[in-house]
C-alpha atoms as a PDB file:
ATOM      1  CA  MET A   1     -31.560  -6.752 -20.617  1.00  0.00           C
ATOM      2  CA  THR A   2     -32.539  -3.652 -18.640  1.00  0.00           C
ATOM      3  CA  ALA A   3     -33.421  -4.408 -14.934  1.00  0.00           C
ATOM      4  CA  LEU A   4     -36.750  -3.406 -13.880  1.00  0.00           C
ATOM      5  CA  ILE A   5     -37.056  -0.847 -10.974  1.00  0.00           C
ATOM      6  CA  ALA A   6     -39.380  -1.778  -8.266  1.00  0.00           C
ATOM      7  CA  ARG A   7     -40.835   1.216  -6.342  1.00  0.00           C
ATOM      8  CA  PRO A   8     -44.078   1.979  -4.383  1.00  0.00           C
ATOM      9  CA  ARG A   9     -47.064   3.020  -6.458  1.00  0.00           C
ATOM     10  CA  VAL A  10     -47.910   6.726  -6.108  1.00  0.00           C
ATOM     11  CA  GLN A  11     -51.598   7.572  -5.924  1.00  0.00           C
ATOM     12  CA  VAL A  12     -52.731  10.656  -7.659  1.00  0.00           C
ATOM     13  CA  PRO A  13     -55.948  12.565  -6.830  1.00  0.00           C
ATOM     14  CA  ARG A  14     -58.931  11.671  -9.187  1.00  0.00           C
ATOM     15  CA  PRO A  15     -61.311  13.840 -10.709  1.00  0.00           C
ATOM     16  CA  ALA A  16     -65.072  12.993 -10.495  1.00  0.00           C
ATOM     17  CA  CYS A  17     -65.804   9.804 -12.277  1.00  0.00           C
ATOM     18  CA  THR A  18     -68.965  11.174 -14.000  1.00  0.00           C
ATOM     19  CA  ILE A  19     -69.705  12.280 -17.407  1.00  0.00           C
ATOM     20  CA  GLY A  20     -71.366  15.746 -17.072  1.00  0.00           C
ATOM     21  CA  GLY A  21     -73.191  18.218 -19.367  1.00  0.00           C
ATOM     22  CA  SER A  22     -76.344  17.856 -21.571  1.00  0.00           C
ATOM     23  CA  LEU A  23     -77.062  14.929 -23.989  1.00  0.00           C
ATOM     24  CA  ALA A  24     -76.204  17.337 -26.711  1.00  0.00           C
ATOM     25  CA  ASP A  25     -72.958  18.522 -25.378  1.00  0.00           C
ATOM     26  CA  ARG A  26     -71.694  15.039 -24.996  1.00  0.00           C
ATOM     27  CA  GLN A  27     -72.841  13.927 -28.437  1.00  0.00           C
ATOM     28  CA  ALA A  28     -71.012  16.976 -29.641  1.00  0.00           C
ATOM     29  CA  GLY A  29     -67.674  16.112 -27.695  1.00  0.00           C
ATOM     30  CA  LEU A  30     -67.917  19.192 -25.479  1.00  0.00           C
ATOM     31  CA  THR A  31     -67.594  17.515 -22.079  1.00  0.00           C
ATOM     32  CA  THR A  32     -65.400  14.482 -22.761  1.00  0.00           C
ATOM     33  CA  HIS A  33     -62.279  16.322 -21.424  1.00  0.00           C
ATOM     34  CA  THR A  34     -63.891  17.544 -18.368  1.00  0.00           C
ATOM     35  CA  SER A  35     -64.404  14.150 -16.474  1.00  0.00           C
ATOM     36  CA  LEU A  36     -62.670  11.111 -15.693  1.00  0.00           C
ATOM     37  CA  TRP A  37     -64.003   8.232 -17.436  1.00  0.00           C
ATOM     38  CA  PRO A  38     -64.849   5.252 -14.956  1.00  0.00           C
ATOM     39  CA  ALA A  39     -62.438   2.810 -16.605  1.00  0.00           C
ATOM     40  CA  SER A  40     -59.321   5.196 -16.692  1.00  0.00           C
ATOM     41  CA  PRO A  41     -58.271   4.179 -13.200  1.00  0.00           C
ATOM     42  CA  LEU A  42     -58.792   0.598 -13.831  1.00  0.00           C
ATOM     43  CA  PHE A  43     -56.885   0.915 -17.122  1.00  0.00           C
ATOM     44  CA  CYS A  44     -53.851   2.668 -15.299  1.00  0.00           C
ATOM     45  CA  ASP A  45     -53.732  -0.256 -12.679  1.00  0.00           C
ATOM     46  CA  TRP A  46     -53.681  -2.726 -15.424  1.00  0.00           C
ATOM     47  CA  LEU A  47     -50.956  -0.927 -17.443  1.00  0.00           C
ATOM     48  CA  LEU A  48     -48.765  -0.489 -14.292  1.00  0.00           C
ATOM     49  CA  ASP A  49     -49.336  -3.924 -13.097  1.00  0.00           C
ATOM     50  CA  SER A  50     -48.734  -5.852 -16.276  1.00  0.00           C
ATOM     51  CA  LYS A  51     -46.679  -3.714 -18.510  1.00  0.00           C
ATOM     52  CA  PRO A  52     -42.826  -3.877 -17.590  1.00  0.00           C
ATOM     53  CA  LEU A  53     -42.096  -1.793 -20.575  1.00  0.00           C
ATOM     54  CA  LEU A  54     -43.485   1.197 -18.835  1.00  0.00           C
ATOM     55  CA  GLN A  55     -40.403   0.598 -16.358  1.00  0.00           C
ATOM     56  CA  THR A  56     -37.916   0.694 -18.955  1.00  0.00           C
ATOM     57  CA  PRO A  57     -35.863   4.040 -19.172  1.00  0.00           C
ATOM     58  CA  GLY A  58     -36.209   5.474 -22.471  1.00  0.00           C
ATOM     59  CA  THR A  59     -39.763   4.301 -23.300  1.00  0.00           C
ATOM     60  CA  ARG A  60     -42.133   6.731 -24.557  1.00  0.00           C
ATOM     61  CA  VAL A  61     -45.932   6.778 -24.129  1.00  0.00           C
ATOM     62  CA  VAL A  62     -48.365   9.086 -25.852  1.00  0.00           C
ATOM     63  CA  GLU A  63     -51.808   9.449 -24.611  1.00  0.00           C
ATOM     64  CA  LEU A  64     -54.280  10.770 -27.224  1.00  0.00           C
ATOM     65  CA  GLY A  65     -57.145  12.731 -25.836  1.00  0.00           C
ATOM     66  CA  SER A  66     -55.857  12.933 -22.254  1.00  0.00           C
ATOM     67  CA  GLY A  67     -58.827  14.824 -20.957  1.00  0.00           C
ATOM     68  CA  THR A  68     -58.376  15.610 -17.343  1.00  0.00           C
ATOM     69  CA  GLY A  69     -54.761  14.196 -17.518  1.00  0.00           C
ATOM     70  CA  HIS A  70     -55.140  11.447 -14.832  1.00  0.00           C
ATOM     71  CA  MET A  71     -53.673   8.748 -16.965  1.00  0.00           C
ATOM     72  CA  ALA A  72     -50.828  10.750 -17.996  1.00  0.00           C
ATOM     73  CA  ALA A  73     -50.341  12.032 -14.323  1.00  0.00           C
ATOM     74  CA  THR A  74     -50.422   8.358 -13.015  1.00  0.00           C
ATOM     75  CA  LEU A  75     -48.051   7.054 -15.432  1.00  0.00           C
ATOM     76  CA  ALA A  76     -45.741   9.931 -15.206  1.00  0.00           C
ATOM     77  CA  ARG A  77     -45.493   9.669 -11.516  1.00  0.00           C
ATOM     78  CA  ASN A  78     -45.267   5.822 -11.496  1.00  0.00           C
ATOM     79  CA  CYS A  79     -43.113   4.861 -14.638  1.00  0.00           C
ATOM     80  CA  GLU A  80     -39.717   5.236 -16.138  1.00  0.00           C
ATOM     81  CA  ALA A  81     -41.300   6.110 -19.288  1.00  0.00           C
ATOM     82  CA  THR A  82     -41.484   9.515 -20.903  1.00  0.00           C
ATOM     83  CA  VAL A  83     -45.278  10.482 -20.965  1.00  0.00           C
ATOM     84  CA  VAL A  84     -46.797  13.030 -23.513  1.00  0.00           C
ATOM     85  CA  ALA A  85     -50.438  13.877 -23.110  1.00  0.00           C
ATOM     86  CA  THR A  86     -52.510  15.460 -25.999  1.00  0.00           C
ATOM     87  CA  GLU A  87     -55.734  17.077 -26.373  1.00  0.00           C
ATOM     88  CA  ILE A  88     -57.905  19.225 -28.423  1.00  0.00           C
ATOM     89  CA  PRO A  89     -57.142  22.973 -28.420  1.00  0.00           C
ATOM     90  CA  ARG A  90     -59.953  24.211 -26.276  1.00  0.00           C
ATOM     91  CA  ALA A  91     -59.028  21.610 -23.581  1.00  0.00           C
ATOM     92  CA  LEU A  92     -55.348  22.166 -23.347  1.00  0.00           C
ATOM     93  CA  GLU A  93     -55.696  24.566 -20.355  1.00  0.00           C
ATOM     94  CA  GLY A  94     -57.675  22.180 -18.363  1.00  0.00           C
ATOM     95  CA  LEU A  95     -55.258  19.322 -19.170  1.00  0.00           C
ATOM     96  CA  ARG A  96     -52.270  21.364 -17.970  1.00  0.00           C
ATOM     97  CA  ALA A  97     -53.893  22.292 -14.755  1.00  0.00           C
ATOM     98  CA  GLY A  98     -54.909  18.858 -14.194  1.00  0.00           C
ATOM     99  CA  VAL A  99     -51.480  17.337 -14.797  1.00  0.00           C
ATOM    100  CA  GLU A 100     -49.959  19.959 -12.652  1.00  0.00           C
ATOM    101  CA  ARG A 101     -52.361  19.444  -9.667  1.00  0.00           C
ATOM    102  CA  MET A 102     -52.059  15.481  -9.804  1.00  0.00           C
ATOM    103  CA  ALA A 103     -48.368  15.255 -10.691  1.00  0.00           C
ATOM    104  CA  PRO A 104     -46.610  18.448  -9.915  1.00  0.00           C
ATOM    105  CA  GLY A 105     -43.468  18.963 -12.027  1.00  0.00           C
ATOM    106  CA  ALA A 106     -44.168  16.100 -14.151  1.00  0.00           C
END
């Protein structure tokens, strides 16, 4: 059995928690990658508090549709797991910039 590593949680800056853009843009999926969903920080906290697997070296996490990169950055800064963030092509530049801002070097 692998021993769990206890360390203080690193907070990452959070983007705005609003879904912007027009209704037509939101329905077309053009804005979902530009804002942080309000449940995302809560889900991050739940994962970090209750999932010891994330503290096991060698564990891999894939986030599908990473948007701003907040969850990927939070997990990368606070877990022993390898985190892979994915996004649609038009949103990759924003994802890379967000992760670099929130978790430099991650």
